[in-house]
PDB file of N, CA and C in Angstrom:
ATOM      1  N   HIS A   1       4.401  51.723  17.869  1.00  0.00           N
ATOM      2  CA  HIS A   1       3.883  52.183  19.266  1.00  0.00           C
ATOM      3  C   HIS A   1       5.016  53.608  19.702  1.00  0.00           C
ATOM      4  N   GLU A   2       5.766  53.325  19.255  1.00  0.00           N
ATOM      5  CA  GLU A   2       6.977  54.943  19.716  1.00  0.00           C
ATOM      6  C   GLU A   2       6.045  56.037  19.647  1.00  0.00           C
ATOM      7  N   ALA A   3       5.648  56.615  18.568  1.00  0.00           N
ATOM      8  CA  ALA A   3       4.682  57.117  17.911  1.00  0.00           C
ATOM      9  C   ALA A   3       3.667  57.871  19.520  1.00  0.00           C
ATOM     10  N   TRP A   4       3.020  56.474  20.021  1.00  0.00           N
ATOM     11  CA  TRP A   4       2.345  56.818  21.167  1.00  0.00           C
ATOM     12  C   TRP A   4       3.372  56.831  22.394  1.00  0.00           C
ATOM     13  N   TYR A   5       4.103  56.341  22.547  1.00  0.00           N
ATOM     14  CA  TYR A   5       4.988  57.030  23.892  1.00  0.00           C
ATOM     15  C   TYR A   5       5.437  58.442  23.573  1.00  0.00           C
ATOM     16  N   ASN A   6       6.257  58.422  22.503  1.00  0.00           N
ATOM     17  CA  ASN A   6       6.953  59.948  22.117  1.00  0.00           C
ATOM     18  C   ASN A   6       5.464  60.576  22.500  1.00  0.00           C
ATOM     19  N   LYS A   7       4.435  60.750  22.077  1.00  0.00           N
ATOM     20  CA  LYS A   7       3.061  61.871  22.545  1.00  0.00           C
ATOM     21  C   LYS A   7       3.097  61.805  23.954  1.00  0.00           C
ATOM     22  N   ALA A   8       3.228  60.252  24.423  1.00  0.00           N
ATOM     23  CA  ALA A   8       3.175  60.521  26.348  1.00  0.00           C
ATOM     24  C   ALA A   8       3.582  61.283  26.738  1.00  0.00           C
ATOM     25  N   TYR A   9       5.468  61.027  26.675  1.00  0.00           N
ATOM     26  CA  TYR A   9       6.232  61.632  26.820  1.00  0.00           C
ATOM     27  C   TYR A   9       5.938  63.324  26.838  1.00  0.00           C
ATOM     28  N   SER A  10       6.194  63.958  25.959  1.00  0.00           N
ATOM     29  CA  SER A  10       5.585  65.185  25.215  1.00  0.00           C
ATOM     30  C   SER A  10       4.281  65.121  26.162  1.00  0.00           C
ATOM     31  N   TYR A  11       3.175  64.709  25.895  1.00  0.00           N
ATOM     32  CA  TYR A  11       2.116  64.823  26.715  1.00  0.00           C
ATOM     33  C   TYR A  11       2.893  65.288  28.974  1.00  0.00           C
ATOM     34  N   SER A  12       3.135  64.749  29.059  1.00  0.00           N
ATOM     35  CA  SER A  12       4.382  64.745  30.553  1.00  0.00           C
ATOM     36  C   SER A  12       4.590  65.695  30.525  1.00  0.00           C
ATOM     37  N   LEU A  13       5.742  66.292  29.836  1.00  0.00           N
ATOM     38  CA  LEU A  13       6.723  67.460  29.503  1.00  0.00           C
ATOM     39  C   LEU A  13       5.652  68.940  29.575  1.00  0.00           C
ATOM     40  N   GLN A  14       4.643  68.451  28.761  1.00  0.00           N
ATOM     41  CA  GLN A  14       3.595  69.758  28.824  1.00  0.00           C
ATOM     42  C   GLN A  14       2.638  69.871  30.454  1.00  0.00           C
ATOM     43  N   GLY A  15       2.727  68.914  30.845  1.00  0.00           N
ATOM     44  CA  GLY A  15       2.064  69.154  32.328  1.00  0.00           C
ATOM     45  C   GLY A  15       0.372  68.354  31.907  1.00  0.00           C
ATOM     46  N   ASN A  16       0.663  67.838  30.729  1.00  0.00           N
ATOM     47  CA  ASN A  16      -1.104  67.505  30.456  1.00  0.00           C
ATOM     48  C   ASN A  16      -1.505  65.679  30.653  1.00  0.00           C
ATOM     49  N   ILE A  17      -1.480  65.646  31.907  1.00  0.00           N
ATOM     50  CA  ILE A  17      -1.615  64.216  32.217  1.00  0.00           C
ATOM     51  C   ILE A  17      -2.233  62.735  32.612  1.00  0.00           C
ATOM     52  N   GLU A  18      -3.697  63.749  31.600  1.00  0.00           N
ATOM     53  CA  GLU A  18      -4.389  63.098  31.156  1.00  0.00           C
ATOM     54  C   GLU A  18      -4.380  62.298  29.645  1.00  0.00           C
ATOM     55  N   GLN A  19      -3.761  63.273  29.334  1.00  0.00           N
ATOM     56  CA  GLN A  19      -2.958  62.760  27.727  1.00  0.00           C
ATOM     57  C   GLN A  19      -1.749  61.698  27.878  1.00  0.00           C
ATOM     58  N   ALA A  20      -1.089  62.010  28.425  1.00  0.00           N
ATOM     59  CA  ALA A  20      -0.094  61.856  29.347  1.00  0.00           C
ATOM     60  C   ALA A  20      -0.388  59.949  29.305  1.00  0.00           C
ATOM     61  N   ILE A  21      -1.193  60.069  30.496  1.00  0.00           N
ATOM     62  CA  ILE A  21      -1.426  58.547  30.912  1.00  0.00           C
ATOM     63  C   ILE A  21      -2.437  57.902  29.601  1.00  0.00           C
ATOM     64  N   GLU A  22      -2.984  58.550  28.913  1.00  0.00           N
ATOM     65  CA  GLU A  22      -3.863  57.805  27.624  1.00  0.00           C
ATOM     66  C   GLU A  22      -3.200  57.216  26.608  1.00  0.00           C
ATOM     67  N   ASN A  23      -1.743  58.241  26.067  1.00  0.00           N
ATOM     68  CA  ASN A  23      -0.752  58.022  25.065  1.00  0.00           C
ATOM     69  C   ASN A  23      -0.099  56.566  25.693  1.00  0.00           C
ATOM     70  N   LEU A  24       0.396  57.018  26.983  1.00  0.00           N
ATOM     71  CA  LEU A  24       1.312  55.628  27.556  1.00  0.00           C
ATOM     72  C   LEU A  24       0.309  54.516  27.511  1.00  0.00           C
ATOM     73  N   LYS A  25      -0.991  54.474  28.099  1.00  0.00           N
ATOM     74  CA  LYS A  25      -1.476  52.983  27.972  1.00  0.00           C
ATOM     75  C   LYS A  25      -1.269  52.296  26.790  1.00  0.00           C
ATOM     76  N   THR A  26      -1.726  53.463  25.393  1.00  0.00           N
ATOM     77  CA  THR A  26      -1.851  52.246  24.153  1.00  0.00           C
ATOM     78  C   THR A  26      -0.376  52.585  24.266  1.00  0.00           C
ATOM     79  N   ALA A  27       0.717  52.767  24.308  1.00  0.00           N
ATOM     80  CA  ALA A  27       1.745  52.075  23.919  1.00  0.00           C
ATOM     81  C   ALA A  27       2.008  50.673  24.508  1.00  0.00           C
ATOM     82  N   ILE A  28       1.585  50.832  25.928  1.00  0.00           N
ATOM     83  CA  ILE A  28       2.237  49.433  26.263  1.00  0.00           C
ATOM     84  C   ILE A  28       0.861  48.661  26.297  1.00  0.00           C
ATOM     85  N   ASN A  29      -0.052  49.173  25.768  1.00  0.00           N
ATOM     86  CA  ASN A  29      -1.083  47.793  25.118  1.00  0.00           C
ATOM     87  C   ASN A  29      -0.584  47.371  23.693  1.00  0.00           C
ATOM     88  N   LEU A  30       0.055  48.140  23.372  1.00  0.00           N
ATOM     89  CA  LEU A  30       0.404  47.585  21.868  1.00  0.00           C
ATOM     90  C   LEU A  30       1.588  47.498  21.715  1.00  0.00           C
ATOM     91  N   HIS A  31       2.776  47.228  22.913  1.00  0.00           N
ATOM     92  CA  HIS A  31       4.274  46.646  22.893  1.00  0.00           C
ATOM     93  C   HIS A  31       4.459  46.882  24.257  1.00  0.00           C
ATOM     94  N   PRO A  32       4.009  45.876  24.833  1.00  0.00           N
ATOM     95  CA  PRO A  32       3.977  45.708  26.444  1.00  0.00           C
ATOM     96  C   PRO A  32       6.287  45.844  27.023  1.00  0.00           C
ATOM     97  N   GLU A  33       6.888  46.067  25.854  1.00  0.00           N
ATOM     98  CA  GLU A  33       8.542  46.400  26.804  1.00  0.00           C
ATOM     99  C   GLU A  33       8.491  48.160  26.774  1.00  0.00           C
ATOM    100  N   VAL A  34       7.933  48.656  26.377  1.00  0.00           N
ATOM    101  CA  VAL A  34       7.746  50.180  26.912  1.00  0.00           C
ATOM    102  C   VAL A  34       7.970  50.371  28.029  1.00  0.00           C
ATOM    103  N   ARG A  35       7.269  49.636  28.624  1.00  0.00           N
ATOM    104  CA  ARG A  35       6.281  49.618  30.043  1.00  0.00           C
ATOM    105  C   ARG A  35       7.889  49.590  31.145  1.00  0.00           C
ATOM    106  N   GLU A  36       9.619  49.392  30.560  1.00  0.00           N
ATOM    107  CA  GLU A  36      10.210  48.859  30.868  1.00  0.00           C
ATOM    108  C   GLU A  36      11.107  50.832  30.748  1.00  0.00           C
ATOM    109  N   TRP A  37      11.123  51.184  29.531  1.00  0.00           N
ATOM    110  CA  TRP A  37      10.904  52.254  29.486  1.00  0.00           C
ATOM    111  C   TRP A  37      10.538  53.588  30.088  1.00  0.00           C
ATOM    112  N   ALA A  38       9.462  53.790  30.837  1.00  0.00           N
ATOM    113  CA  ALA A  38       9.136  55.031  31.182  1.00  0.00           C
ATOM    114  C   ALA A  38       9.314  54.487  32.246  1.00  0.00           C
ATOM    115  N   LYS A  39       9.737  53.131  33.155  1.00  0.00           N
ATOM    116  CA  LYS A  39       9.909  53.290  34.477  1.00  0.00           C
ATOM    117  C   LYS A  39      11.407  54.139  34.496  1.00  0.00           C
ATOM    118  N   THR A  40      12.381  54.125  33.910  1.00  0.00           N
ATOM    119  CA  THR A  40      13.259  55.199  34.177  1.00  0.00           C
ATOM    120  C   THR A  40      13.680  56.828  33.451  1.00  0.00           C
ATOM    121  N   ASP A  41      12.708  56.756  32.973  1.00  0.00           N
ATOM    122  CA  ASP A  41      12.935  57.857  31.399  1.00  0.00           C
ATOM    123  C   ASP A  41      12.080  59.300  32.230  1.00  0.00           C
ATOM    124  N   SER A  42      12.761  60.178  32.512  1.00  0.00           N
ATOM    125  CA  SER A  42      12.733  61.063  33.079  1.00  0.00           C
ATOM    126  C   SER A  42      11.952  62.215  32.592  1.00  0.00           C
ATOM    127  N   ASP A  43      11.579  62.035  31.047  1.00  0.00           N
ATOM    128  CA  ASP A  43      10.453  62.683  30.376  1.00  0.00           C
ATOM    129  C   ASP A  43       9.521  62.397  31.945  1.00  0.00           C
ATOM    130  N   PHE A  44       8.609  61.672  32.154  1.00  0.00           N
ATOM    131  CA  PHE A  44       7.894  61.135  32.774  1.00  0.00           C
ATOM    132  C   PHE A  44       7.967  61.650  33.947  1.00  0.00           C
ATOM    133  N   ASP A  45       9.190  62.571  34.376  1.00  0.00           N
ATOM    134  CA  ASP A  45       9.441  62.969  36.003  1.00  0.00           C
ATOM    135  C   ASP A  45       8.016  63.295  36.469  1.00  0.00           C
ATOM    136  N   ALA A  46       6.888  64.707  35.843  1.00  0.00           N
ATOM    137  CA  ALA A  46       6.050  65.154  36.441  1.00  0.00           C
ATOM    138  C   ALA A  46       5.104  64.408  36.355  1.00  0.00           C
ATOM    139  N   ILE A  47       4.692  63.058  35.968  1.00  0.00           N
ATOM    140  CA  ILE A  47       3.822  62.089  36.614  1.00  0.00           C
ATOM    141  C   ILE A  47       3.835  60.419  37.224  1.00  0.00           C
ATOM    142  N   ARG A  48       5.064  61.230  37.949  1.00  0.00           N
ATOM    143  CA  ARG A  48       5.576  59.875  37.960  1.00  0.00           C
ATOM    144  C   ARG A  48       5.139  59.072  39.186  1.00  0.00           C
ATOM    145  N   GLU A  49       5.121  60.084  40.540  1.00  0.00           N
ATOM    146  CA  GLU A  49       3.691  59.677  41.523  1.00  0.00           C
ATOM    147  C   GLU A  49       2.270  60.203  41.144  1.00  0.00           C
ATOM    148  N   ASP A  50       1.575  60.133  40.219  1.00  0.00           N
ATOM    149  CA  ASP A  50       0.228  59.405  39.909  1.00  0.00           C
ATOM    150  C   ASP A  50      -0.158  58.429  40.175  1.00  0.00           C
ATOM    151  N   GLU A  51      -1.124  57.603  40.548  1.00  0.00           N
ATOM    152  CA  GLU A  51      -1.473  56.215  40.651  1.00  0.00           C
ATOM    153  C   GLU A  51      -1.643  55.542  39.515  1.00  0.00           C
ATOM    154  N   ARG A  52      -2.024  56.528  38.303  1.00  0.00           N
ATOM    155  CA  ARG A  52      -2.240  55.658  37.172  1.00  0.00           C
ATOM    156  C   ARG A  52      -1.006  55.136  36.439  1.00  0.00           C
ATOM    157  N   PHE A  53      -0.502  56.257  36.969  1.00  0.00           N
ATOM    158  CA  PHE A  53       0.989  56.107  36.060  1.00  0.00           C
ATOM    159  C   PHE A  53       1.845  54.918  37.003  1.00  0.00           C
ATOM    160  N   GLN A  54       1.492  55.090  38.270  1.00  0.00           N
ATOM    161  CA  GLN A  54       1.817  53.634  38.811  1.00  0.00           C
ATOM    162  C   GLN A  54       1.928  52.551  38.366  1.00  0.00           C
ATOM    163  N   GLU A  55       0.377  52.337  38.469  1.00  0.00           N
ATOM    164  CA  GLU A  55      -0.120  51.128  37.647  1.00  0.00           C
ATOM    165  C   GLU A  55      -0.187  50.949  36.408  1.00  0.00           C
ATOM    166  N   LEU A  56       0.775  51.678  35.139  1.00  0.00           N
ATOM    167  CA  LEU A  56       1.198  51.897  34.148  1.00  0.00           C
ATOM    168  C   LEU A  56       1.731  50.752  34.002  1.00  0.00           C
ATOM    169  N   ILE A  57       3.385  51.305  35.245  1.00  0.00           N
ATOM    170  CA  ILE A  57       4.626  50.674  34.983  1.00  0.00           C
ATOM    171  C   ILE A  57       4.415  49.067  35.519  1.00  0.00           C
ATOM    172  N   LYS A  58       3.551  48.795  36.599  1.00  0.00           N
ATOM    173  CA  LYS A  58       3.743  47.841  37.621  1.00  0.00           C
ATOM    174  C   LYS A  58       4.292  46.579  36.639  1.00  0.00           C
TER     175      LYS A  58
END
């Protein structure tokens, strides 16, 4: 799950929103606790306001 999470924040930092969301979704599906990590991880600041990101971290 960490590999998916790491890919997600890497894509976020690159501004690749689609890939960031998809990889974060996979990480959360595999291990729901990563949802909590994403809530405060500044690496997701670039996509934090995206509705899809907000749905994932609920």
